[in-house]
Amino acid sequence: MAESNVHYLPGVSPLDLHQSELVDLVSRFTPEDGLHATSVPGLHLIRASAPAQRLPTVYEPGICVVVQGRKQASAMGEVLTYDPLHCLVISVPMPSVGQILDATPEKPYLCVRLSIDPREVGGLILQSETPASPPAKAPRGLQTWRVSAPLLDAVLRLLRLLATPNDLPVLAPMAVREIYYRVLTGELGPRLRELATADSHAHRISRAIELLQRRYAEPVRIEELAGSVHMSASSLHHHFKQVTAMSPLQFQKQLRLHHARRFMLIDGLDAAAAGHRVGYESPSQFSREYRRLFGAPPKAEIQQVRGVEPVTAGR
């Protein structure tokens, strides 16, 4: 890997130097709030000038490095907080609820998100001479990790390349691979390695999740799902819950509800049509399960997100 050209000042930690420059760079390439794509495939920058309400989403595999502010992600009763000292690593697609906690116009929430390419991670595992020690506990699809100076250094060098587009085709892939490498050789490395290694239980669960994503609106039998990834039904259920904290059917249900919410928010479908599109035959069941997950019935929750005051009887 390329050597860093950062020279540290006496009394100033490398983390502080990296974070300060990262704040400047992310601010430069995010002129307004929102999610900003970059010229590096899979690299996005995020900016928010105010705390946000809790928003349900499906996190795709990636590495999130906060450079300013603080955010929270919760899934199945677990709450993870990530800030300039902690990054979030998503190993498999995970239905979750995210909330930006700390952000102001003067000090906005700033985050770097890099998608994980399983092929690159697999190649690094084969190439790396780091011992493949077993994870301290079963790998989870959503984890936080205390950032290190080498990781931030690699992220910093990748963002610097945004200012020199001619260098991107050659140097950006090298910086991305180093970021993957730093995660693989860090605290969460054994878990990410397990999830990316062919024929491991966690890798088979990842394949089962991919199948559920493709067929979220279809009835899926556990025996059929288990057979497709060469596991027994009981083994699939056990290991699926270790990775996602959910059973396969709970996971599919959350995927359905998240997709239905998207259809209502973006496509303007009503609750009955959205529920039917994602596989619900009973509108009342859809409404009950939607309320259980999102805290309000479909129509009221969508109105809250849009900032529309729900119309009550007598008004």
C-alpha atoms as a PDB file:
ATOM      1  CA  MET A   1       0.000   0.000   0.000  1.00  0.00           C
ATOM      2  CA  ALA A   2       1.108   3.560  -0.638  1.00  0.00           C
ATOM      3  CA  GLU A   3       2.822   5.339   2.198  1.00  0.00           C
ATOM      4  CA  SER A   4       1.001   8.250   3.785  1.00  0.00           C
ATOM      5  CA  ASN A   5       2.573  11.675   3.314  1.00  0.00           C
ATOM      6  CA  VAL A   6       0.932  13.090   6.445  1.00  0.00           C
ATOM      7  CA  HIS A   7       3.428  14.614   8.914  1.00  0.00           C
ATOM      8  CA  TYR A   8       2.130  14.677  12.477  1.00  0.00           C
ATOM      9  CA  LEU A   9       2.593  17.707  14.701  1.00  0.00           C
ATOM     10  CA  PRO A  10       3.873  17.328  18.267  1.00  0.00           C
ATOM     11  CA  GLY A  11       0.973  17.039  20.687  1.00  0.00           C
ATOM     12  CA  VAL A  12      -1.611  16.523  17.933  1.00  0.00           C
ATOM     13  CA  SER A  13      -2.954  13.002  17.453  1.00  0.00           C
ATOM     14  CA  PRO A  14      -3.143  11.482  13.951  1.00  0.00           C
ATOM     15  CA  LEU A  15      -6.876  10.916  14.451  1.00  0.00           C
ATOM     16  CA  ASP A  16      -7.442  14.627  15.111  1.00  0.00           C
ATOM     17  CA  LEU A  17      -5.452  15.620  12.020  1.00  0.00           C
ATOM     18  CA  HIS A  18      -7.269  13.121   9.813  1.00  0.00           C
ATOM     19  CA  GLN A  19     -10.675  14.131  11.124  1.00  0.00           C
ATOM     20  CA  SER A  20     -10.036  17.850  10.612  1.00  0.00           C
ATOM     21  CA  GLU A  21      -9.022  17.372   6.973  1.00  0.00           C
ATOM     22  CA  LEU A  22     -11.866  14.916   6.371  1.00  0.00           C
ATOM     23  CA  VAL A  23     -14.363  17.502   7.630  1.00  0.00           C
ATOM     24  CA  ASP A  24     -12.952  20.020   5.148  1.00  0.00           C
ATOM     25  CA  LEU A  25     -13.052  17.572   2.242  1.00  0.00           C
ATOM     26  CA  VAL A  26     -16.546  16.205   2.882  1.00  0.00           C
ATOM     27  CA  SER A  27     -17.849  19.759   3.357  1.00  0.00           C
ATOM     28  CA  ARG A  28     -16.254  20.772   0.055  1.00  0.00           C
ATOM     29  CA  PHE A  29     -17.928  17.987  -1.918  1.00  0.00           C
ATOM     30  CA  THR A  30     -21.354  18.236  -0.225  1.00  0.00           C
ATOM     31  CA  PRO A  31     -22.549  21.788  -0.950  1.00  0.00           C
ATOM     32  CA  GLU A  32     -26.028  20.978   0.367  1.00  0.00           C
ATOM     33  CA  ASP A  33     -27.781  18.438   2.572  1.00  0.00           C
ATOM     34  CA  GLY A  34     -28.413  14.983   1.202  1.00  0.00           C
ATOM     35  CA  LEU A  35     -26.708  11.926  -0.242  1.00  0.00           C
ATOM     36  CA  HIS A  36     -24.040  12.816  -2.800  1.00  0.00           C
ATOM     37  CA  ALA A  37     -22.659  10.325  -5.316  1.00  0.00           C
ATOM     38  CA  THR A  38     -19.006  10.718  -6.293  1.00  0.00           C
ATOM     39  CA  SER A  39     -16.932   9.723  -9.291  1.00  0.00           C
ATOM     40  CA  VAL A  40     -15.636   6.728  -7.300  1.00  0.00           C
ATOM     41  CA  PRO A  41     -18.012   3.753  -7.750  1.00  0.00           C
ATOM     42  CA  GLY A  42     -19.707   2.887  -4.460  1.00  0.00           C
ATOM     43  CA  LEU A  43     -18.490   6.022  -2.646  1.00  0.00           C
ATOM     44  CA  HIS A  44     -21.126   8.422  -1.326  1.00  0.00           C
ATOM     45  CA  LEU A  45     -20.888  11.459   0.942  1.00  0.00           C
ATOM     46  CA  ILE A  46     -23.695  12.448   3.301  1.00  0.00           C
ATOM     47  CA  ARG A  47     -24.480  15.826   4.836  1.00  0.00           C
ATOM     48  CA  ALA A  48     -27.272  16.885   7.220  1.00  0.00           C
ATOM     49  CA  SER A  49     -27.629  20.256   8.937  1.00  0.00           C
ATOM     50  CA  ALA A  50     -30.109  19.202  11.622  1.00  0.00           C
ATOM     51  CA  PRO A  51     -31.010  16.124  13.651  1.00  0.00           C
ATOM     52  CA  ALA A  52     -33.491  13.882  11.845  1.00  0.00           C
ATOM     53  CA  GLN A  53     -36.428  11.776  12.884  1.00  0.00           C
ATOM     54  CA  ARG A  54     -36.023   8.006  13.039  1.00  0.00           C
ATOM     55  CA  LEU A  55     -36.173   6.754   9.454  1.00  0.00           C
ATOM     56  CA  PRO A  56     -36.593   3.069   8.578  1.00  0.00           C
ATOM     57  CA  THR A  57     -34.298   1.850   5.831  1.00  0.00           C
ATOM     58  CA  VAL A  58     -32.521  -1.226   4.513  1.00  0.00           C
ATOM     59  CA  TYR A  59     -28.779  -0.840   5.003  1.00  0.00           C
ATOM     60  CA  GLU A  60     -26.794  -2.345   2.132  1.00  0.00           C
ATOM     61  CA  PRO A  61     -23.317  -3.821   2.748  1.00  0.00           C
ATOM     62  CA  GLY A  62     -20.869  -0.987   3.297  1.00  0.00           C
ATOM     63  CA  ILE A  63     -18.562   0.949   5.613  1.00  0.00           C
ATOM     64  CA  CYS A  64     -19.809   4.221   7.130  1.00  0.00           C
ATOM     65  CA  VAL A  65     -17.211   6.584   8.570  1.00  0.00           C
ATOM     66  CA  VAL A  66     -18.647   9.614  10.361  1.00  0.00           C
ATOM     67  CA  VAL A  67     -16.293  12.596  10.304  1.00  0.00           C
ATOM     68  CA  GLN A  68     -18.574  15.013  12.171  1.00  0.00           C
ATOM     69  CA  GLY A  69     -21.768  14.569  14.187  1.00  0.00           C
ATOM     70  CA  ARG A  70     -23.377  11.391  15.459  1.00  0.00           C
ATOM     71  CA  LYS A  71     -25.887   8.848  14.183  1.00  0.00           C
ATOM     72  CA  GLN A  72     -27.727   5.867  15.614  1.00  0.00           C
ATOM     73  CA  ALA A  73     -28.864   2.652  13.952  1.00  0.00           C
ATOM     74  CA  SER A  74     -31.219   0.180  15.603  1.00  0.00           C
ATOM     75  CA  ALA A  75     -32.251  -3.285  14.500  1.00  0.00           C
ATOM     76  CA  MET A  76     -34.215  -5.912  16.439  1.00  0.00           C
ATOM     77  CA  GLY A  77     -33.660  -4.285  19.821  1.00  0.00           C
ATOM     78  CA  GLU A  78     -29.961  -3.506  19.333  1.00  0.00           C
ATOM     79  CA  VAL A  79     -28.872   0.143  19.194  1.00  0.00           C
ATOM     80  CA  LEU A  80     -25.525   1.073  17.645  1.00  0.00           C
ATOM     81  CA  THR A  81     -24.084   4.593  17.781  1.00  0.00           C
ATOM     82  CA  TYR A  82     -21.386   5.752  15.389  1.00  0.00           C
ATOM     83  CA  ASP A  83     -19.488   9.018  15.484  1.00  0.00           C
ATOM     84  CA  PRO A  84     -15.994  10.324  14.604  1.00  0.00           C
ATOM     85  CA  LEU A  85     -14.545   7.657  16.920  1.00  0.00           C
ATOM     86  CA  HIS A  86     -16.600   4.723  15.620  1.00  0.00           C
ATOM     87  CA  CYS A  87     -17.497   3.495  12.150  1.00  0.00           C
ATOM     88  CA  LEU A  88     -20.389   1.249  11.120  1.00  0.00           C
ATOM     89  CA  VAL A  89     -19.716  -1.908   9.111  1.00  0.00           C
ATOM     90  CA  ILE A  90     -22.696  -3.513   7.347  1.00  0.00           C
ATOM     91  CA  SER A  91     -21.817  -7.010   6.154  1.00  0.00           C
ATOM     92  CA  VAL A  92     -25.212  -8.113   4.842  1.00  0.00           C
ATOM     93  CA  PRO A  93     -28.375  -6.183   3.887  1.00  0.00           C
ATOM     94  CA  MET A  94     -30.113  -5.249   7.142  1.00  0.00           C
ATOM     95  CA  PRO A  95     -33.534  -3.668   7.758  1.00  0.00           C
ATOM     96  CA  SER A  96     -32.860  -0.995  10.342  1.00  0.00           C
ATOM     97  CA  VAL A  97     -33.952   2.379  11.679  1.00  0.00           C
ATOM     98  CA  GLY A  98     -31.459   5.226  11.447  1.00  0.00           C
ATOM     99  CA  GLN A  99     -31.465   8.585  13.190  1.00  0.00           C
ATOM    100  CA  ILE A 100     -29.029  11.494  12.985  1.00  0.00           C
ATOM    101  CA  LEU A 101     -28.542  12.718  16.560  1.00  0.00           C
ATOM    102  CA  ASP A 102     -26.014  15.571  16.362  1.00  0.00           C
ATOM    103  CA  ALA A 103     -26.065  18.104  13.513  1.00  0.00           C
ATOM    104  CA  THR A 104     -26.308  21.888  13.182  1.00  0.00           C
ATOM    105  CA  PRO A 105     -25.907  24.292  10.240  1.00  0.00           C
ATOM    106  CA  GLU A 106     -22.557  25.348  11.721  1.00  0.00           C
ATOM    107  CA  LYS A 107     -21.404  21.754  12.375  1.00  0.00           C
ATOM    108  CA  PRO A 108     -23.393  19.482  10.062  1.00  0.00           C
ATOM    109  CA  TYR A 109     -23.425  15.727  10.230  1.00  0.00           C
ATOM    110  CA  LEU A 110     -20.867  14.508   7.673  1.00  0.00           C
ATOM    111  CA  CYS A 111     -20.362  10.885   6.703  1.00  0.00           C
ATOM    112  CA  VAL A 112     -18.391   8.856   4.163  1.00  0.00           C
ATOM    113  CA  ARG A 113     -20.118   5.696   2.926  1.00  0.00           C
ATOM    114  CA  LEU A 114     -18.257   3.089   0.877  1.00  0.00           C
ATOM    115  CA  SER A 115     -20.087   0.056  -0.492  1.00  0.00           C
ATOM    116  CA  ILE A 116     -18.485  -3.332   0.119  1.00  0.00           C
ATOM    117  CA  ASP A 117     -17.585  -5.336  -2.984  1.00  0.00           C
ATOM    118  CA  PRO A 118     -17.627  -9.016  -1.894  1.00  0.00           C
ATOM    119  CA  ARG A 119     -15.318 -10.019  -4.742  1.00  0.00           C
ATOM    120  CA  GLU A 120     -12.654  -7.546  -3.638  1.00  0.00           C
ATOM    121  CA  VAL A 121     -12.976  -8.640  -0.016  1.00  0.00           C
ATOM    122  CA  GLY A 122     -12.705 -12.274  -1.060  1.00  0.00           C
ATOM    123  CA  GLY A 123      -9.597 -11.492  -3.104  1.00  0.00           C
ATOM    124  CA  LEU A 124      -7.992  -9.731  -0.150  1.00  0.00           C
ATOM    125  CA  ILE A 125      -8.739 -12.692   2.104  1.00  0.00           C
ATOM    126  CA  LEU A 126      -6.936 -15.001  -0.311  1.00  0.00           C
ATOM    127  CA  GLN A 127      -4.047 -12.553  -0.659  1.00  0.00           C
ATOM    128  CA  SER A 128      -3.710 -11.626   3.005  1.00  0.00           C
ATOM    129  CA  GLU A 129      -1.338 -13.529   5.250  1.00  0.00           C
ATOM    130  CA  THR A 130      -3.276 -12.485   8.355  1.00  0.00           C
ATOM    131  CA  PRO A 131      -4.274 -15.586  10.370  1.00  0.00           C
ATOM    132  CA  ALA A 132      -7.956 -16.430   9.928  1.00  0.00           C
ATOM    133  CA  SER A 133      -8.782 -16.437  13.634  1.00  0.00           C
ATOM    134  CA  PRO A 134     -12.395 -17.237  14.531  1.00  0.00           C
ATOM    135  CA  PRO A 135     -14.615 -14.317  15.571  1.00  0.00           C
ATOM    136  CA  ALA A 136     -14.955 -13.707  19.309  1.00  0.00           C
ATOM    137  CA  LYS A 137     -18.687 -14.194  18.864  1.00  0.00           C
ATOM    138  CA  ALA A 138     -21.043 -15.038  16.039  1.00  0.00           C
ATOM    139  CA  PRO A 139     -20.767 -12.502  13.203  1.00  0.00           C
ATOM    140  CA  ARG A 140     -23.529  -9.916  13.041  1.00  0.00           C
ATOM    141  CA  GLY A 141     -24.549  -8.107   9.887  1.00  0.00           C
ATOM    142  CA  LEU A 142     -24.419  -4.710  11.624  1.00  0.00           C
ATOM    143  CA  GLN A 143     -21.453  -3.777  13.840  1.00  0.00           C
ATOM    144  CA  THR A 144     -19.588  -0.711  15.056  1.00  0.00           C
ATOM    145  CA  TRP A 145     -15.814  -0.541  15.348  1.00  0.00           C
ATOM    146  CA  ARG A 146     -13.500   2.049  16.891  1.00  0.00           C
ATOM    147  CA  VAL A 147     -11.720   3.772  14.020  1.00  0.00           C
ATOM    148  CA  SER A 148      -7.943   3.619  13.702  1.00  0.00           C
ATOM    149  CA  ALA A 149      -5.459   6.112  12.279  1.00  0.00           C
ATOM    150  CA  PRO A 150      -4.530   3.763   9.369  1.00  0.00           C
ATOM    151  CA  LEU A 151      -8.205   3.411   8.377  1.00  0.00           C
ATOM    152  CA  LEU A 152      -8.817   7.169   8.482  1.00  0.00           C
ATOM    153  CA  ASP A 153      -5.585   7.723   6.574  1.00  0.00           C
ATOM    154  CA  ALA A 154      -6.813   5.458   3.761  1.00  0.00           C
ATOM    155  CA  VAL A 155     -10.217   7.179   3.707  1.00  0.00           C
ATOM    156  CA  LEU A 156      -8.506  10.558   3.645  1.00  0.00           C
ATOM    157  CA  ARG A 157      -6.320   9.644   0.681  1.00  0.00           C
ATOM    158  CA  LEU A 158      -9.361   8.363  -1.214  1.00  0.00           C
ATOM    159  CA  LEU A 159     -11.235  11.640  -0.666  1.00  0.00           C
ATOM    160  CA  ARG A 160      -8.215  13.715  -1.677  1.00  0.00           C
ATOM    161  CA  LEU A 161      -8.384  12.000  -5.069  1.00  0.00           C
ATOM    162  CA  LEU A 162     -11.797  13.595  -5.712  1.00  0.00           C
ATOM    163  CA  ALA A 163      -9.901  16.843  -6.305  1.00  0.00           C
ATOM    164  CA  THR A 164      -7.621  15.219  -8.894  1.00  0.00           C
ATOM    165  CA  PRO A 165      -9.942  13.367 -11.304  1.00  0.00           C
ATOM    166  CA  ASN A 166      -7.093  12.307 -13.598  1.00  0.00           C
ATOM    167  CA  ASP A 167      -5.618  10.223 -10.765  1.00  0.00           C
ATOM    168  CA  LEU A 168      -8.860   8.452  -9.880  1.00  0.00           C
ATOM    169  CA  PRO A 169      -8.793   5.512 -12.349  1.00  0.00           C
ATOM    170  CA  VAL A 170      -5.389   4.332 -11.120  1.00  0.00           C
ATOM    171  CA  LEU A 171      -5.228   5.356  -7.455  1.00  0.00           C
ATOM    172  CA  ALA A 172      -8.849   5.120  -6.237  1.00  0.00           C
ATOM    173  CA  PRO A 173      -9.061   1.296  -6.541  1.00  0.00           C
ATOM    174  CA  MET A 174      -5.860   1.039  -4.498  1.00  0.00           C
ATOM    175  CA  ALA A 175      -7.270   3.275  -1.750  1.00  0.00           C
ATOM    176  CA  VAL A 176     -10.560   1.357  -1.698  1.00  0.00           C
ATOM    177  CA  ARG A 177      -8.727  -1.955  -1.363  1.00  0.00           C
ATOM    178  CA  GLU A 178      -6.687  -0.533   1.513  1.00  0.00           C
ATOM    179  CA  ILE A 179      -9.881   0.517   3.316  1.00  0.00           C
ATOM    180  CA  TYR A 180     -11.224  -3.024   2.959  1.00  0.00           C
ATOM    181  CA  TYR A 181      -7.871  -4.335   4.165  1.00  0.00           C
ATOM    182  CA  ARG A 182      -7.877  -2.084   7.246  1.00  0.00           C
ATOM    183  CA  VAL A 183     -11.331  -3.373   8.200  1.00  0.00           C
ATOM    184  CA  LEU A 184     -10.300  -6.990   7.555  1.00  0.00           C
ATOM    185  CA  THR A 185      -7.247  -6.619   9.793  1.00  0.00           C
ATOM    186  CA  GLY A 186      -9.123  -4.743  12.499  1.00  0.00           C
ATOM    187  CA  GLU A 187     -11.429  -5.766  15.318  1.00  0.00           C
ATOM    188  CA  LEU A 188     -14.275  -6.762  12.987  1.00  0.00           C
ATOM    189  CA  GLY A 189     -12.010  -8.505  10.508  1.00  0.00           C
ATOM    190  CA  PRO A 190     -12.738 -12.079  11.646  1.00  0.00           C
ATOM    191  CA  ARG A 191     -16.482 -11.475  11.339  1.00  0.00           C
ATOM    192  CA  LEU A 192     -16.221  -9.885   7.911  1.00  0.00           C
ATOM    193  CA  ARG A 193     -13.898 -12.697   6.846  1.00  0.00           C
ATOM    194  CA  GLU A 194     -16.434 -15.293   8.013  1.00  0.00           C
ATOM    195  CA  LEU A 195     -19.226 -13.569   6.096  1.00  0.00           C
ATOM    196  CA  ALA A 196     -17.139 -13.431   2.905  1.00  0.00           C
ATOM    197  CA  THR A 197     -15.629 -16.913   3.028  1.00  0.00           C
ATOM    198  CA  ALA A 198     -17.283 -19.448   0.738  1.00  0.00           C
ATOM    199  CA  ASP A 199     -18.937 -22.423   2.486  1.00  0.00           C
ATOM    200  CA  SER A 200     -18.930 -20.767   5.913  1.00  0.00           C
ATOM    201  CA  HIS A 201     -22.275 -20.667   7.680  1.00  0.00           C
ATOM    202  CA  ALA A 202     -22.280 -16.860   7.590  1.00  0.00           C
ATOM    203  CA  HIS A 203     -21.595 -16.846   3.836  1.00  0.00           C
ATOM    204  CA  ARG A 204     -24.518 -19.193   3.270  1.00  0.00           C
ATOM    205  CA  ILE A 205     -26.725 -16.898   5.332  1.00  0.00           C
ATOM    206  CA  SER A 206     -25.617 -14.026   3.084  1.00  0.00           C
ATOM    207  CA  ARG A 207     -26.776 -16.034   0.065  1.00  0.00           C
ATOM    208  CA  ALA A 208     -30.092 -16.772   1.785  1.00  0.00           C
ATOM    209  CA  ILE A 209     -30.553 -13.036   2.387  1.00  0.00           C
ATOM    210  CA  GLU A 210     -29.906 -12.340  -1.302  1.00  0.00           C
ATOM    211  CA  LEU A 211     -32.628 -14.843  -2.209  1.00  0.00           C
ATOM    212  CA  LEU A 212     -35.081 -13.255   0.239  1.00  0.00           C
ATOM    213  CA  GLN A 213     -34.322  -9.847  -1.248  1.00  0.00           C
ATOM    214  CA  ARG A 214     -35.121 -11.065  -4.746  1.00  0.00           C
ATOM    215  CA  ARG A 215     -38.295 -12.852  -3.650  1.00  0.00           C
ATOM    216  CA  TYR A 216     -39.482 -10.666  -0.775  1.00  0.00           C
ATOM    217  CA  ALA A 217     -43.046 -10.487  -2.117  1.00  0.00           C
ATOM    218  CA  GLU A 218     -43.362 -14.264  -2.665  1.00  0.00           C
ATOM    219  CA  PRO A 219     -44.235 -16.967  -0.132  1.00  0.00           C
ATOM    220  CA  VAL A 220     -40.995 -18.704   0.849  1.00  0.00           C
ATOM    221  CA  ARG A 221     -40.823 -22.073   2.576  1.00  0.00           C
ATOM    222  CA  ILE A 222     -37.980 -22.394   5.079  1.00  0.00           C
ATOM    223  CA  GLU A 223     -37.144 -25.888   3.798  1.00  0.00           C
ATOM    224  CA  GLU A 224     -36.813 -24.539   0.257  1.00  0.00           C
ATOM    225  CA  LEU A 225     -34.673 -21.607   1.400  1.00  0.00           C
ATOM    226  CA  ALA A 226     -32.441 -23.900   3.464  1.00  0.00           C
ATOM    227  CA  GLY A 227     -32.030 -26.313   0.581  1.00  0.00           C
ATOM    228  CA  SER A 228     -30.986 -23.532  -1.787  1.00  0.00           C
ATOM    229  CA  VAL A 229     -27.984 -22.725   0.444  1.00  0.00           C
ATOM    230  CA  HIS A 230     -27.246 -26.360   1.379  1.00  0.00           C
ATOM    231  CA  MET A 231     -28.289 -26.156   5.015  1.00  0.00           C
ATOM    232  CA  SER A 232     -30.871 -27.907   7.142  1.00  0.00           C
ATOM    233  CA  ALA A 233     -33.908 -25.867   8.175  1.00  0.00           C
ATOM    234  CA  SER A 234     -32.839 -25.879  11.831  1.00  0.00           C
ATOM    235  CA  SER A 235     -29.263 -24.854  10.993  1.00  0.00           C
ATOM    236  CA  LEU A 236     -30.489 -22.059   8.711  1.00  0.00           C
ATOM    237  CA  HIS A 237     -32.795 -20.713  11.420  1.00  0.00           C
ATOM    238  CA  HIS A 238     -30.043 -20.831  14.069  1.00  0.00           C
ATOM    239  CA  HIS A 239     -27.292 -19.195  12.006  1.00  0.00           C
ATOM    240  CA  PHE A 240     -29.637 -16.700  10.324  1.00  0.00           C
ATOM    241  CA  LYS A 241     -30.621 -15.384  13.737  1.00  0.00           C
ATOM    242  CA  GLN A 242     -26.958 -15.115  14.774  1.00  0.00           C
ATOM    243  CA  VAL A 243     -26.173 -12.887  11.783  1.00  0.00           C
ATOM    244  CA  THR A 244     -29.338 -10.775  11.606  1.00  0.00           C
ATOM    245  CA  ALA A 245     -30.945 -11.127  15.088  1.00  0.00           C
ATOM    246  CA  MET A 246     -34.072 -12.209  13.190  1.00  0.00           C
ATOM    247  CA  SER A 247     -35.588 -15.401  11.854  1.00  0.00           C
ATOM    248  CA  PRO A 248     -35.777 -15.693   8.032  1.00  0.00           C
ATOM    249  CA  LEU A 249     -39.532 -15.027   8.095  1.00  0.00           C
ATOM    250  CA  GLN A 250     -39.114 -11.976  10.354  1.00  0.00           C
ATOM    251  CA  PHE A 251     -36.433 -10.707   7.989  1.00  0.00           C
ATOM    252  CA  GLN A 252     -38.693 -11.171   4.954  1.00  0.00           C
ATOM    253  CA  LYS A 253     -41.556  -9.438   6.762  1.00  0.00           C
ATOM    254  CA  GLN A 254     -39.373  -6.410   7.475  1.00  0.00           C
ATOM    255  CA  LEU A 255     -38.218  -6.317   3.852  1.00  0.00           C
ATOM    256  CA  ARG A 256     -41.863  -6.346   2.735  1.00  0.00           C
ATOM    257  CA  LEU A 257     -42.821  -3.514   5.065  1.00  0.00           C
ATOM    258  CA  HIS A 258     -39.813  -1.386   4.087  1.00  0.00           C
ATOM    259  CA  HIS A 259     -40.605  -1.854   0.385  1.00  0.00           C
ATOM    260  CA  ALA A 260     -44.289  -1.039   0.979  1.00  0.00           C
ATOM    261  CA  ARG A 261     -43.297   2.144   2.797  1.00  0.00           C
ATOM    262  CA  ARG A 262     -41.115   3.121  -0.154  1.00  0.00           C
ATOM    263  CA  PHE A 263     -43.976   2.487  -2.591  1.00  0.00           C
ATOM    264  CA  MET A 264     -46.219   4.797  -0.550  1.00  0.00           C
ATOM    265  CA  LEU A 265     -43.606   7.533  -0.084  1.00  0.00           C
ATOM    266  CA  ILE A 266     -42.110   7.591  -3.574  1.00  0.00           C
ATOM    267  CA  ASP A 267     -44.721   6.073  -5.880  1.00  0.00           C
ATOM    268  CA  GLY A 268     -47.767   7.477  -4.090  1.00  0.00           C
ATOM    269  CA  LEU A 269     -49.549   4.137  -3.641  1.00  0.00           C
ATOM    270  CA  ASP A 270     -52.210   3.881  -0.969  1.00  0.00           C
ATOM    271  CA  ALA A 271     -51.805   1.383   1.862  1.00  0.00           C
ATOM    272  CA  ALA A 272     -53.962  -1.329   0.327  1.00  0.00           C
ATOM    273  CA  ALA A 273     -52.126  -1.232  -3.011  1.00  0.00           C
ATOM    274  CA  ALA A 274     -48.696  -1.108  -1.363  1.00  0.00           C
ATOM    275  CA  GLY A 275     -49.516  -4.010   0.933  1.00  0.00           C
ATOM    276  CA  HIS A 276     -50.809  -6.090  -1.957  1.00  0.00           C
ATOM    277  CA  ARG A 277     -47.718  -5.369  -4.058  1.00  0.00           C
ATOM    278  CA  VAL A 278     -45.385  -6.719  -1.378  1.00  0.00           C
ATOM    279  CA  GLY A 279     -47.407  -9.876  -0.808  1.00  0.00           C
ATOM    280  CA  TYR A 280     -50.037  -9.091   1.818  1.00  0.00           C
ATOM    281  CA  GLU A 281     -53.491 -10.504   1.093  1.00  0.00           C
ATOM    282  CA  SER A 282     -55.085  -8.919   4.168  1.00  0.00           C
ATOM    283  CA  PRO A 283     -55.059  -5.095   4.414  1.00  0.00           C
ATOM    284  CA  SER A 284     -55.789  -5.287   8.136  1.00  0.00           C
ATOM    285  CA  GLN A 285     -52.819  -7.591   8.739  1.00  0.00           C
ATOM    286  CA  PHE A 286     -50.608  -5.261   6.703  1.00  0.00           C
ATOM    287  CA  SER A 287     -51.777  -2.261   8.753  1.00  0.00           C
ATOM    288  CA  ARG A 288     -51.197  -4.075  12.074  1.00  0.00           C
ATOM    289  CA  GLU A 289     -47.683  -5.202  11.167  1.00  0.00           C
ATOM    290  CA  TYR A 290     -46.805  -1.809   9.661  1.00  0.00           C
ATOM    291  CA  ARG A 291     -47.871  -0.065  12.858  1.00  0.00           C
ATOM    292  CA  ARG A 292     -45.913  -2.539  14.983  1.00  0.00           C
ATOM    293  CA  LEU A 293     -42.701  -1.799  13.039  1.00  0.00           C
ATOM    294  CA  PHE A 294     -43.030   1.921  12.280  1.00  0.00           C
ATOM    295  CA  GLY A 295     -45.097   3.082  15.268  1.00  0.00           C
ATOM    296  CA  ALA A 296     -48.168   4.344  13.377  1.00  0.00           C
ATOM    297  CA  PRO A 297     -50.690   3.090  10.781  1.00  0.00           C
ATOM    298  CA  PRO A 298     -49.504   3.412   7.157  1.00  0.00           C
ATOM    299  CA  LYS A 299     -51.398   6.547   6.160  1.00  0.00           C
ATOM    300  CA  ALA A 300     -50.635   8.434   9.388  1.00  0.00           C
ATOM    301  CA  GLU A 301     -46.954   7.472   9.363  1.00  0.00           C
ATOM    302  CA  ILE A 302     -46.485   8.558   5.748  1.00  0.00           C
ATOM    303  CA  GLN A 303     -48.203  11.875   6.503  1.00  0.00           C
ATOM    304  CA  GLN A 304     -45.863  12.406   9.455  1.00  0.00           C
ATOM    305  CA  VAL A 305     -42.811  11.809   7.290  1.00  0.00           C
ATOM    306  CA  ARG A 306     -44.098  14.240   4.665  1.00  0.00           C
ATOM    307  CA  GLY A 307     -44.850  16.819   7.312  1.00  0.00           C
ATOM    308  CA  VAL A 308     -48.587  16.700   6.654  1.00  0.00           C
ATOM    309  CA  GLU A 309     -50.832  16.917   9.681  1.00  0.00           C
ATOM    310  CA  PRO A 310     -53.182  13.912   9.726  1.00  0.00           C
ATOM    311  CA  VAL A 311     -56.852  14.816   9.238  1.00  0.00           C
ATOM    312  CA  THR A 312     -58.925  13.764  12.228  1.00  0.00           C
ATOM    313  CA  ALA A 313     -62.676  13.286  12.487  1.00  0.00           C
ATOM    314  CA  GLY A 314     -64.652  16.523  12.783  1.00  0.00           C
ATOM    315  CA  ARG A 315     -62.017  18.608  10.914  1.00  0.00           C
END
